[in-house]
Amino acid sequence: MTRQYKSRFEELVAKLSDLKREKEDNKSKIDSLDEALAALEEEHKQIEKEKIDQIQGLRKQIDDMSQEFANMLKSTLEKMSDRIKEANKQWEDDNDGGVLKHFDNTQLK
């Protein structure tokens, strides 16, 4: 009985030792995985920050280009308005005399 007891006790001690070693191995794996997770989270945050900065830069660039385009359109509209006014004035100057002559000729008859 003592021999069986000692044999069983040694088996349990060996099993306990194996389980403790396995526990330590698992703990070290968990620690390394936690470190890897923390590194990945940090990398993700950094990439996200860079993308947000890039988006903000592109939005500013779009706003600047939009403002430039609006200014170009305004300038073009002003130039076209000035040219139309000049053309209308010239047409009125050229045609007022002709219309008056035509009006005078039709009244005299």
PDB file of N, CA and C in Angstrom:
ATOM      1  N   MET A   1       0.810  -1.170   0.000  1.00  0.00           N
ATOM      2  CA  MET A   1       0.000   0.000   0.000  1.00  0.00           C
ATOM      3  C   MET A   1       0.866   1.252   0.000  1.00  0.00           C
ATOM      4  N   THR A   2       1.920   1.218   0.772  1.00  0.00           N
ATOM      5  CA  THR A   2       2.824   2.348   0.837  1.00  0.00           C
ATOM      6  C   THR A   2       3.483   2.565  -0.509  1.00  0.00           C
ATOM      7  N   ARG A   3       3.838   1.481  -1.160  1.00  0.00           N
ATOM      8  CA  ARG A   3       4.450   1.600  -2.473  1.00  0.00           C
ATOM      9  C   ARG A   3       3.466   2.218  -3.466  1.00  0.00           C
ATOM     10  N   GLN A   4       2.230   1.807  -3.437  1.00  0.00           N
ATOM     11  CA  GLN A   4       1.211   2.377  -4.321  1.00  0.00           C
ATOM     12  C   GLN A   4       1.002   3.859  -3.986  1.00  0.00           C
ATOM     13  N   TYR A   5       0.974   4.137  -2.697  1.00  0.00           N
ATOM     14  CA  TYR A   5       0.792   5.512  -2.259  1.00  0.00           C
ATOM     15  C   TYR A   5       1.940   6.383  -2.766  1.00  0.00           C
ATOM     16  N   LYS A   6       3.181   5.931  -2.594  1.00  0.00           N
ATOM     17  CA  LYS A   6       4.351   6.679  -3.036  1.00  0.00           C
ATOM     18  C   LYS A   6       4.338   6.837  -4.550  1.00  0.00           C
ATOM     19  N   SER A   7       3.977   5.786  -5.254  1.00  0.00           N
ATOM     20  CA  SER A   7       3.922   5.839  -6.716  1.00  0.00           C
ATOM     21  C   SER A   7       2.871   6.850  -7.163  1.00  0.00           C
ATOM     22  N   ARG A   8       1.738   6.785  -6.576  1.00  0.00           N
ATOM     23  CA  ARG A   8       0.647   7.718  -6.925  1.00  0.00           C
ATOM     24  C   ARG A   8       1.043   9.134  -6.557  1.00  0.00           C
ATOM     25  N   PHE A   9       1.690   9.311  -5.395  1.00  0.00           N
ATOM     26  CA  PHE A   9       2.130  10.624  -4.951  1.00  0.00           C
ATOM     27  C   PHE A   9       3.150  11.209  -5.931  1.00  0.00           C
ATOM     28  N   GLU A  10       4.102  10.382  -6.372  1.00  0.00           N
ATOM     29  CA  GLU A  10       5.102  10.837  -7.342  1.00  0.00           C
ATOM     30  C   GLU A  10       4.452  11.220  -8.661  1.00  0.00           C
ATOM     31  N   GLU A  11       3.445  10.456  -9.082  1.00  0.00           N
ATOM     32  CA  GLU A  11       2.723  10.786 -10.309  1.00  0.00           C
ATOM     33  C   GLU A  11       2.033  12.140 -10.170  1.00  0.00           C
ATOM     34  N   LEU A  12       1.398  12.348  -9.035  1.00  0.00           N
ATOM     35  CA  LEU A  12       0.703  13.620  -8.804  1.00  0.00           C
ATOM     36  C   LEU A  12       1.676  14.788  -8.720  1.00  0.00           C
ATOM     37  N   VAL A  13       2.816  14.578  -8.098  1.00  0.00           N
ATOM     38  CA  VAL A  13       3.833  15.628  -8.013  1.00  0.00           C
ATOM     39  C   VAL A  13       4.350  15.950  -9.417  1.00  0.00           C
ATOM     40  N   ALA A  14       4.576  14.923 -10.231  1.00  0.00           N
ATOM     41  CA  ALA A  14       5.053  15.136 -11.595  1.00  0.00           C
ATOM     42  C   ALA A  14       4.000  15.879 -12.412  1.00  0.00           C
ATOM     43  N   LYS A  15       2.744  15.458 -12.247  1.00  0.00           N
ATOM     44  CA  LYS A  15       1.653  16.117 -12.969  1.00  0.00           C
ATOM     45  C   LYS A  15       1.530  17.560 -12.512  1.00  0.00           C
ATOM     46  N   LEU A  16       1.635  17.799 -11.209  1.00  0.00           N
ATOM     47  CA  LEU A  16       1.578  19.157 -10.676  1.00  0.00           C
ATOM     48  C   LEU A  16       2.718  19.995 -11.240  1.00  0.00           C
ATOM     49  N   SER A  17       3.892  19.435 -11.312  1.00  0.00           N
ATOM     50  CA  SER A  17       5.047  20.128 -11.868  1.00  0.00           C
ATOM     51  C   SER A  17       4.811  20.471 -13.342  1.00  0.00           C
ATOM     52  N   ASP A  18       4.282  19.512 -14.116  1.00  0.00           N
ATOM     53  CA  ASP A  18       3.976  19.765 -15.532  1.00  0.00           C
ATOM     54  C   ASP A  18       2.937  20.869 -15.685  1.00  0.00           C
ATOM     55  N   LEU A  19       1.918  20.821 -14.841  1.00  0.00           N
ATOM     56  CA  LEU A  19       0.870  21.844 -14.918  1.00  0.00           C
ATOM     57  C   LEU A  19       1.401  23.222 -14.542  1.00  0.00           C
ATOM     58  N   LYS A  20       2.289  23.289 -13.545  1.00  0.00           N
ATOM     59  CA  LYS A  20       2.890  24.573 -13.176  1.00  0.00           C
ATOM     60  C   LYS A  20       3.733  25.121 -14.330  1.00  0.00           C
ATOM     61  N   ARG A  21       4.511  24.243 -14.960  1.00  0.00           N
ATOM     62  CA  ARG A  21       5.332  24.664 -16.099  1.00  0.00           C
ATOM     63  C   ARG A  21       4.429  25.139 -17.250  1.00  0.00           C
ATOM     64  N   GLU A  22       3.358  24.390 -17.499  1.00  0.00           N
ATOM     65  CA  GLU A  22       2.421  24.769 -18.560  1.00  0.00           C
ATOM     66  C   GLU A  22       1.760  26.109 -18.235  1.00  0.00           C
ATOM     67  N   LYS A  23       1.443  26.314 -16.956  1.00  0.00           N
ATOM     68  CA  LYS A  23       0.850  27.576 -16.517  1.00  0.00           C
ATOM     69  C   LYS A  23       1.804  28.743 -16.779  1.00  0.00           C
ATOM     70  N   GLU A  24       3.078  28.551 -16.434  1.00  0.00           N
ATOM     71  CA  GLU A  24       4.088  29.592 -16.658  1.00  0.00           C
ATOM     72  C   GLU A  24       4.264  29.864 -18.159  1.00  0.00           C
ATOM     73  N   ASP A  25       4.283  28.794 -18.948  1.00  0.00           N
ATOM     74  CA  ASP A  25       4.394  28.966 -20.401  1.00  0.00           C
ATOM     75  C   ASP A  25       3.208  29.763 -20.944  1.00  0.00           C
ATOM     76  N   ASN A  26       2.026  29.394 -20.493  1.00  0.00           N
ATOM     77  CA  ASN A  26       0.813  30.100 -20.931  1.00  0.00           C
ATOM     78  C   ASN A  26       0.829  31.562 -20.495  1.00  0.00           C
ATOM     79  N   LYS A  27       1.318  31.788 -19.282  1.00  0.00           N
ATOM     80  CA  LYS A  27       1.398  33.161 -18.775  1.00  0.00           C
ATOM     81  C   LYS A  27       2.369  33.987 -19.622  1.00  0.00           C
ATOM     82  N   SER A  28       3.501  33.406 -19.968  1.00  0.00           N
ATOM     83  CA  SER A  28       4.463  34.148 -20.791  1.00  0.00           C
ATOM     84  C   SER A  28       3.901  34.389 -22.188  1.00  0.00           C
ATOM     85  N   LYS A  29       3.155  33.424 -22.734  1.00  0.00           N
ATOM     86  CA  LYS A  29       2.524  33.626 -24.039  1.00  0.00           C
ATOM     87  C   LYS A  29       1.486  34.740 -23.969  1.00  0.00           C
ATOM     88  N   ILE A  30       0.705  34.736 -22.892  1.00  0.00           N
ATOM     89  CA  ILE A  30      -0.306  35.783 -22.716  1.00  0.00           C
ATOM     90  C   ILE A  30       0.362  37.150 -22.609  1.00  0.00           C
ATOM     91  N   ASP A  31       1.446  37.226 -21.845  1.00  0.00           N
ATOM     92  CA  ASP A  31       2.171  38.495 -21.701  1.00  0.00           C
ATOM     93  C   ASP A  31       2.705  38.981 -23.046  1.00  0.00           C
ATOM     94  N   SER A  32       3.290  38.069 -23.820  1.00  0.00           N
ATOM     95  CA  SER A  32       3.827  38.485 -25.118  1.00  0.00           C
ATOM     96  C   SER A  32       2.703  38.886 -26.065  1.00  0.00           C
ATOM     97  N   LEU A  33       1.568  38.192 -26.010  1.00  0.00           N
ATOM     98  CA  LEU A  33       0.421  38.560 -26.848  1.00  0.00           C
ATOM     99  C   LEU A  33      -0.170  39.904 -26.426  1.00  0.00           C
ATOM    100  N   ASP A  34      -0.177  40.166 -25.111  1.00  0.00           N
ATOM    101  CA  ASP A  34      -0.648  41.469 -24.627  1.00  0.00           C
ATOM    102  C   ASP A  34       0.261  42.592 -25.129  1.00  0.00           C
ATOM    103  N   GLU A  35       1.566  42.346 -25.105  1.00  0.00           N
ATOM    104  CA  GLU A  35       2.512  43.339 -25.619  1.00  0.00           C
ATOM    105  C   GLU A  35       2.311  43.560 -27.116  1.00  0.00           C
ATOM    106  N   ALA A  36       2.109  42.477 -27.848  1.00  0.00           N
ATOM    107  CA  ALA A  36       1.874  42.598 -29.292  1.00  0.00           C
ATOM    108  C   ALA A  36       0.578  43.353 -29.553  1.00  0.00           C
ATOM    109  N   LEU A  37      -0.454  43.076 -28.768  1.00  0.00           N
ATOM    110  CA  LEU A  37      -1.729  43.776 -28.913  1.00  0.00           C
ATOM    111  C   LEU A  37      -1.555  45.262 -28.634  1.00  0.00           C
ATOM    112  N   ALA A  38      -0.834  45.598 -27.587  1.00  0.00           N
ATOM    113  CA  ALA A  38      -0.597  47.002 -27.250  1.00  0.00           C
ATOM    114  C   ALA A  38       0.164  47.698 -28.380  1.00  0.00           C
ATOM    115  N   ALA A  39       1.139  47.008 -28.948  1.00  0.00           N
ATOM    116  CA  ALA A  39       1.908  47.589 -30.055  1.00  0.00           C
ATOM    117  C   ALA A  39       1.014  47.798 -31.278  1.00  0.00           C
ATOM    118  N   LEU A  40       0.155  46.825 -31.562  1.00  0.00           N
ATOM    119  CA  LEU A  40      -0.763  46.961 -32.699  1.00  0.00           C
ATOM    120  C   LEU A  40      -1.769  48.085 -32.481  1.00  0.00           C
ATOM    121  N   GLU A  41      -2.261  48.207 -31.262  1.00  0.00           N
ATOM    122  CA  GLU A  41      -3.194  49.295 -30.963  1.00  0.00           C
ATOM    123  C   GLU A  41      -2.520  50.649 -31.129  1.00  0.00           C
ATOM    124  N   GLU A  42      -1.286  50.756 -30.667  1.00  0.00           N
ATOM    125  CA  GLU A  42      -0.536  52.012 -30.817  1.00  0.00           C
ATOM    126  C   GLU A  42      -0.307  52.327 -32.294  1.00  0.00           C
ATOM    127  N   GLU A  43       0.066  51.307 -33.054  1.00  0.00           N
ATOM    128  CA  GLU A  43       0.278  51.491 -34.487  1.00  0.00           C
ATOM    129  C   GLU A  43      -1.025  51.910 -35.169  1.00  0.00           C
ATOM    130  N   HIS A  44      -2.130  51.301 -34.759  1.00  0.00           N
ATOM    131  CA  HIS A  44      -3.434  51.645 -35.330  1.00  0.00           C
ATOM    132  C   HIS A  44      -3.790  53.097 -35.021  1.00  0.00           C
ATOM    133  N   LYS A  45      -3.550  53.515 -33.775  1.00  0.00           N
ATOM    134  CA  LYS A  45      -3.824  54.907 -33.397  1.00  0.00           C
ATOM    135  C   LYS A  45      -2.975  55.877 -34.214  1.00  0.00           C
ATOM    136  N   GLN A  46      -1.712  55.522 -34.422  1.00  0.00           N
ATOM    137  CA  GLN A  46      -0.811  56.377 -35.192  1.00  0.00           C
ATOM    138  C   GLN A  46      -1.288  56.489 -36.644  1.00  0.00           C
ATOM    139  N   ILE A  47      -1.658  55.359 -37.235  1.00  0.00           N
ATOM    140  CA  ILE A  47      -2.143  55.371 -38.618  1.00  0.00           C
ATOM    141  C   ILE A  47      -3.431  56.177 -38.718  1.00  0.00           C
ATOM    142  N   GLU A  48      -4.317  55.991 -37.753  1.00  0.00           N
ATOM    143  CA  GLU A  48      -5.581  56.726 -37.751  1.00  0.00           C
ATOM    144  C   GLU A  48      -5.327  58.232 -37.649  1.00  0.00           C
ATOM    145  N   LYS A  49      -4.392  58.625 -36.792  1.00  0.00           N
ATOM    146  CA  LYS A  49      -4.049  60.052 -36.643  1.00  0.00           C
ATOM    147  C   LYS A  49      -3.491  60.599 -37.954  1.00  0.00           C
ATOM    148  N   GLU A  50      -2.607  59.829 -38.598  1.00  0.00           N
ATOM    149  CA  GLU A  50      -2.044  60.272 -39.874  1.00  0.00           C
ATOM    150  C   GLU A  50      -3.133  60.435 -40.927  1.00  0.00           C
ATOM    151  N   LYS A  51      -4.073  59.510 -40.969  1.00  0.00           N
ATOM    152  CA  LYS A  51      -5.164  59.588 -41.947  1.00  0.00           C
ATOM    153  C   LYS A  51      -6.062  60.786 -41.671  1.00  0.00           C
ATOM    154  N   ILE A  52      -6.344  61.040 -40.393  1.00  0.00           N
ATOM    155  CA  ILE A  52      -7.162  62.200 -40.040  1.00  0.00           C
ATOM    156  C   ILE A  52      -6.451  63.480 -40.452  1.00  0.00           C
ATOM    157  N   ASP A  53      -5.148  63.560 -40.195  1.00  0.00           N
ATOM    158  CA  ASP A  53      -4.370  64.733 -40.608  1.00  0.00           C
ATOM    159  C   ASP A  53      -4.380  64.882 -42.127  1.00  0.00           C
ATOM    160  N   GLN A  54      -4.249  63.766 -42.830  1.00  0.00           N
ATOM    161  CA  GLN A  54      -4.266  63.800 -44.290  1.00  0.00           C
ATOM    162  C   GLN A  54      -5.629  64.276 -44.799  1.00  0.00           C
ATOM    163  N   ILE A  55      -6.698  63.794 -44.197  1.00  0.00           N
ATOM    164  CA  ILE A  55      -8.043  64.208 -44.595  1.00  0.00           C
ATOM    165  C   ILE A  55      -8.230  65.707 -44.361  1.00  0.00           C
ATOM    166  N   GLN A  56      -7.773  66.185 -43.213  1.00  0.00           N
ATOM    167  CA  GLN A  56      -7.898  67.610 -42.917  1.00  0.00           C
ATOM    168  C   GLN A  56      -7.102  68.445 -43.921  1.00  0.00           C
ATOM    169  N   GLY A  57      -5.914  67.987 -44.272  1.00  0.00           N
ATOM    170  CA  GLY A  57      -5.110  68.693 -45.265  1.00  0.00           C
ATOM    171  C   GLY A  57      -5.795  68.731 -46.617  1.00  0.00           C
ATOM    172  N   LEU A  58      -6.366  67.613 -47.013  1.00  0.00           N
ATOM    173  CA  LEU A  58      -7.063  67.560 -48.300  1.00  0.00           C
ATOM    174  C   LEU A  58      -8.316  68.428 -48.288  1.00  0.00           C
ATOM    175  N   ARG A  59      -9.037  68.451 -47.157  1.00  0.00           N
ATOM    176  CA  ARG A  59     -10.219  69.322 -47.062  1.00  0.00           C
ATOM    177  C   ARG A  59      -9.814  70.789 -47.179  1.00  0.00           C
ATOM    178  N   LYS A  60      -8.706  71.151 -46.529  1.00  0.00           N
ATOM    179  CA  LYS A  60      -8.230  72.534 -46.625  1.00  0.00           C
ATOM    180  C   LYS A  60      -7.853  72.853 -48.063  1.00  0.00           C
ATOM    181  N   GLN A  61      -7.183  71.916 -48.714  1.00  0.00           N
ATOM    182  CA  GLN A  61      -6.799  72.118 -50.105  1.00  0.00           C
ATOM    183  C   GLN A  61      -8.042  72.279 -50.990  1.00  0.00           C
ATOM    184  N   ILE A  62      -9.065  71.476 -50.748  1.00  0.00           N
ATOM    185  CA  ILE A  62     -10.310  71.590 -51.509  1.00  0.00           C
ATOM    186  C   ILE A  62     -10.956  72.945 -51.266  1.00  0.00           C
ATOM    187  N   ASP A  63     -10.988  73.382 -50.012  1.00  0.00           N
ATOM    188  CA  ASP A  63     -11.567  74.687 -49.694  1.00  0.00           C
ATOM    189  C   ASP A  63     -10.801  75.806 -50.384  1.00  0.00           C
ATOM    190  N   ASP A  64      -9.469  75.723 -50.362  1.00  0.00           N
ATOM    191  CA  ASP A  64      -8.649  76.742 -51.016  1.00  0.00           C
ATOM    192  C   ASP A  64      -8.909  76.770 -52.524  1.00  0.00           C
ATOM    193  N   MET A  65      -8.947  75.582 -53.125  1.00  0.00           N
ATOM    194  CA  MET A  65      -9.196  75.509 -54.564  1.00  0.00           C
ATOM    195  C   MET A  65     -10.592  76.015 -54.898  1.00  0.00           C
ATOM    196  N   SER A  66     -11.558  75.717 -54.058  1.00  0.00           N
ATOM    197  CA  SER A  66     -12.923  76.185 -54.266  1.00  0.00           C
ATOM    198  C   SER A  66     -12.977  77.704 -54.207  1.00  0.00           C
ATOM    199  N   GLN A  67     -12.271  78.269 -53.241  1.00  0.00           N
ATOM    200  CA  GLN A  67     -12.235  79.733 -53.122  1.00  0.00           C
ATOM    201  C   GLN A  67     -11.555  80.360 -54.334  1.00  0.00           C
ATOM    202  N   GLU A  68     -10.452  79.764 -54.778  1.00  0.00           N
ATOM    203  CA  GLU A  68      -9.774  80.270 -55.981  1.00  0.00           C
ATOM    204  C   GLU A  68     -10.696  80.212 -57.189  1.00  0.00           C
ATOM    205  N   PHE A  69     -11.411  79.114 -57.342  1.00  0.00           N
ATOM    206  CA  PHE A  69     -12.318  78.954 -58.476  1.00  0.00           C
ATOM    207  C   PHE A  69     -13.448  79.980 -58.401  1.00  0.00           C
ATOM    208  N   ALA A  70     -13.979  80.208 -57.194  1.00  0.00           N
ATOM    209  CA  ALA A  70     -15.033  81.214 -57.022  1.00  0.00           C
ATOM    210  C   ALA A  70     -14.509  82.597 -57.407  1.00  0.00           C
ATOM    211  N   ASN A  71     -13.281  82.895 -57.008  1.00  0.00           N
ATOM    212  CA  ASN A  71     -12.696  84.188 -57.370  1.00  0.00           C
ATOM    213  C   ASN A  71     -12.498  84.308 -58.878  1.00  0.00           C
ATOM    214  N   MET A  72     -12.062  83.208 -59.500  1.00  0.00           N
ATOM    215  CA  MET A  72     -11.893  83.227 -60.965  1.00  0.00           C
ATOM    216  C   MET A  72     -13.233  83.457 -61.651  1.00  0.00           C
ATOM    217  N   LEU A  73     -14.266  82.788 -61.202  1.00  0.00           N
ATOM    218  CA  LEU A  73     -15.592  82.971 -61.806  1.00  0.00           C
ATOM    219  C   LEU A  73     -16.096  84.391 -61.610  1.00  0.00           C
ATOM    220  N   LYS A  74     -15.885  84.935 -60.425  1.00  0.00           N
ATOM    221  CA  LYS A  74     -16.313  86.304 -60.149  1.00  0.00           C
ATOM    222  C   LYS A  74     -15.575  87.281 -61.064  1.00  0.00           C
ATOM    223  N   SER A  75     -14.285  87.080 -61.197  1.00  0.00           N
ATOM    224  CA  SER A  75     -13.491  87.939 -62.074  1.00  0.00           C
ATOM    225  C   SER A  75     -13.955  87.834 -63.517  1.00  0.00           C
ATOM    226  N   THR A  76     -14.201  86.627 -63.980  1.00  0.00           N
ATOM    227  CA  THR A  76     -14.665  86.407 -65.347  1.00  0.00           C
ATOM    228  C   THR A  76     -16.025  87.064 -65.552  1.00  0.00           C
ATOM    229  N   LEU A  77     -16.915  86.923 -64.576  1.00  0.00           N
ATOM    230  CA  LEU A  77     -18.242  87.537 -64.673  1.00  0.00           C
ATOM    231  C   LEU A  77     -18.130  89.053 -64.750  1.00  0.00           C
ATOM    232  N   GLU A  78     -17.260  89.629 -63.935  1.00  0.00           N
ATOM    233  CA  GLU A  78     -17.076  91.084 -63.965  1.00  0.00           C
ATOM    234  C   GLU A  78     -16.538  91.540 -65.319  1.00  0.00           C
ATOM    235  N   LYS A  79     -15.563  90.812 -65.872  1.00  0.00           N
ATOM    236  CA  LYS A  79     -15.013  91.169 -67.184  1.00  0.00           C
ATOM    237  C   LYS A  79     -16.074  91.053 -68.267  1.00  0.00           C
ATOM    238  N   MET A  80     -16.855  89.980 -68.201  1.00  0.00           N
ATOM    239  CA  MET A  80     -17.904  89.805 -69.212  1.00  0.00           C
ATOM    240  C   MET A  80     -18.959  90.893 -69.082  1.00  0.00           C
ATOM    241  N   SER A  81     -19.323  91.255 -67.868  1.00  0.00           N
ATOM    242  CA  SER A  81     -20.304  92.327 -67.657  1.00  0.00           C
ATOM    243  C   SER A  81     -19.780  93.647 -68.214  1.00  0.00           C
ATOM    244  N   ASP A  82     -18.502  93.933 -67.960  1.00  0.00           N
ATOM    245  CA  ASP A  82     -17.905  95.164 -68.495  1.00  0.00           C
ATOM    246  C   ASP A  82     -17.921  95.159 -70.019  1.00  0.00           C
ATOM    247  N   ARG A  83     -17.584  94.043 -70.626  1.00  0.00           N
ATOM    248  CA  ARG A  83     -17.573  93.957 -72.095  1.00  0.00           C
ATOM    249  C   ARG A  83     -18.988  94.089 -72.660  1.00  0.00           C
ATOM    250  N   ILE A  84     -19.958  93.513 -71.996  1.00  0.00           N
ATOM    251  CA  ILE A  84     -21.350  93.632 -72.465  1.00  0.00           C
ATOM    252  C   ILE A  84     -21.805  95.074 -72.358  1.00  0.00           C
ATOM    253  N   LYS A  85     -21.459  95.742 -71.256  1.00  0.00           N
ATOM    254  CA  LYS A  85     -21.828  97.156 -71.100  1.00  0.00           C
ATOM    255  C   LYS A  85     -21.186  98.001 -72.195  1.00  0.00           C
ATOM    256  N   GLU A  86     -19.900  97.736 -72.467  1.00  0.00           N
ATOM    257  CA  GLU A  86     -19.216  98.484 -73.522  1.00  0.00           C
ATOM    258  C   GLU A  86     -19.849  98.210 -74.884  1.00  0.00           C
ATOM    259  N   ALA A  87     -20.166  96.957 -75.145  1.00  0.00           N
ATOM    260  CA  ALA A  87     -20.787  96.608 -76.424  1.00  0.00           C
ATOM    261  C   ALA A  87     -22.159  97.248 -76.543  1.00  0.00           C
ATOM    262  N   ASN A  88     -22.945  97.252 -75.483  1.00  0.00           N
ATOM    263  CA  ASN A  88     -24.266  97.888 -75.519  1.00  0.00           C
ATOM    264  C   ASN A  88     -24.143  99.389 -75.750  1.00  0.00           C
ATOM    265  N   LYS A  89     -23.178 100.013 -75.079  1.00  0.00           N
ATOM    266  CA  LYS A  89     -22.981 101.457 -75.245  1.00  0.00           C
ATOM    267  C   LYS A  89     -22.565 101.774 -76.669  1.00  0.00           C
ATOM    268  N   GLN A  90     -21.652 100.971 -77.198  1.00  0.00           N
ATOM    269  CA  GLN A  90     -21.204 101.193 -78.567  1.00  0.00           C
ATOM    270  C   GLN A  90     -22.351 100.974 -79.549  1.00  0.00           C
ATOM    271  N   TRP A  91     -23.156  99.959 -79.329  1.00  0.00           N
ATOM    272  CA  TRP A  91     -24.284  99.683 -80.216  1.00  0.00           C
ATOM    273  C   TRP A  91     -25.291 100.822 -80.162  1.00  0.00           C
ATOM    274  N   GLU A  92     -25.549 101.319 -78.929  1.00  0.00           N
ATOM    275  CA  GLU A  92     -26.479 102.433 -78.782  1.00  0.00           C
ATOM    276  C   GLU A  92     -25.934 103.670 -79.479  1.00  0.00           C
ATOM    277  N   ASP A  93     -24.626 103.937 -79.315  1.00  0.00           N
ATOM    278  CA  ASP A  93     -24.022 105.109 -79.962  1.00  0.00           C
ATOM    279  C   ASP A  93     -24.099 104.984 -81.483  1.00  0.00           C
ATOM    280  N   ASP A  94     -23.808 103.799 -81.991  1.00  0.00           N
ATOM    281  CA  ASP A  94     -23.825 103.581 -83.435  1.00  0.00           C
ATOM    282  C   ASP A  94     -25.246 103.609 -83.997  1.00  0.00           C
ATOM    283  N   ASN A  95     -26.203 103.115 -83.288  1.00  0.00           N
ATOM    284  CA  ASN A  95     -27.554 102.966 -83.825  1.00  0.00           C
ATOM    285  C   ASN A  95     -28.483 104.117 -83.484  1.00  0.00           C
ATOM    286  N   ASP A  96     -28.173 104.954 -82.526  1.00  0.00           N
ATOM    287  CA  ASP A  96     -29.044 106.077 -82.195  1.00  0.00           C
ATOM    288  C   ASP A  96     -29.137 107.045 -83.368  1.00  0.00           C
ATOM    289  N   GLY A  97     -28.019 107.311 -83.982  1.00  0.00           N
ATOM    290  CA  GLY A  97     -28.032 108.223 -85.135  1.00  0.00           C
ATOM    291  C   GLY A  97     -28.808 107.629 -86.294  1.00  0.00           C
ATOM    292  N   GLY A  98     -28.629 106.373 -86.548  1.00  0.00           N
ATOM    293  CA  GLY A  98     -29.323 105.715 -87.652  1.00  0.00           C
ATOM    294  C   GLY A  98     -30.813 105.624 -87.403  1.00  0.00           C
ATOM    295  N   VAL A  99     -31.201 105.374 -86.190  1.00  0.00           N
ATOM    296  CA  VAL A  99     -32.625 105.279 -85.853  1.00  0.00           C
ATOM    297  C   VAL A  99     -33.266 106.650 -85.976  1.00  0.00           C
ATOM    298  N   LEU A 100     -32.583 107.695 -85.516  1.00  0.00           N
ATOM    299  CA  LEU A 100     -33.127 109.055 -85.626  1.00  0.00           C
ATOM    300  C   LEU A 100     -33.284 109.465 -87.082  1.00  0.00           C
ATOM    301  N   LYS A 101     -32.295 109.135 -87.893  1.00  0.00           N
ATOM    302  CA  LYS A 101     -32.398 109.463 -89.328  1.00  0.00           C
ATOM    303  C   LYS A 101     -33.570 108.723 -89.950  1.00  0.00           C
ATOM    304  N   HIS A 102     -33.700 107.457 -89.608  1.00  0.00           N
ATOM    305  CA  HIS A 102     -34.802 106.664 -90.145  1.00  0.00           C
ATOM    306  C   HIS A 102     -36.138 107.231 -89.664  1.00  0.00           C
ATOM    307  N   PHE A 103     -36.185 107.664 -88.412  1.00  0.00           N
ATOM    308  CA  PHE A 103     -37.404 108.233 -87.853  1.00  0.00           C
ATOM    309  C   PHE A 103     -37.736 109.558 -88.548  1.00  0.00           C
ATOM    310  N   ASP A 104     -36.701 110.392 -88.757  1.00  0.00           N
ATOM    311  CA  ASP A 104     -36.904 111.670 -89.458  1.00  0.00           C
ATOM    312  C   ASP A 104     -37.379 111.422 -90.871  1.00  0.00           C
ATOM    313  N   ASN A 105     -36.782 110.472 -91.557  1.00  0.00           N
ATOM    314  CA  ASN A 105     -37.165 110.184 -92.952  1.00  0.00           C
ATOM    315  C   ASN A 105     -38.606 109.684 -93.029  1.00  0.00           C
ATOM    316  N   THR A 106     -39.032 108.920 -92.095  1.00  0.00           N
ATOM    317  CA  THR A 106     -40.394 108.402 -92.144  1.00  0.00           C
ATOM    318  C   THR A 106     -41.393 109.479 -91.775  1.00  0.00           C
ATOM    319  N   GLN A 107     -41.016 110.441 -90.968  1.00  0.00           N
ATOM    320  CA  GLN A 107     -41.948 111.533 -90.604  1.00  0.00           C
ATOM    321  C   GLN A 107     -42.080 112.519 -91.738  1.00  0.00           C
ATOM    322  N   LEU A 108     -41.050 112.745 -92.498  1.00  0.00           N
ATOM    323  CA  LEU A 108     -41.090 113.713 -93.574  1.00  0.00           C
ATOM    324  C   LEU A 108     -41.956 113.250 -94.733  1.00  0.00           C
ATOM    325  N   LYS A 109     -42.114 112.040 -94.861  1.00  0.00           N
ATOM    326  CA  LYS A 109     -42.871 111.538 -96.007  1.00  0.00           C
ATOM    327  C   LYS A 109     -44.302 111.676 -95.785  1.00  0.00           C
TER     328      LYS A 109
END
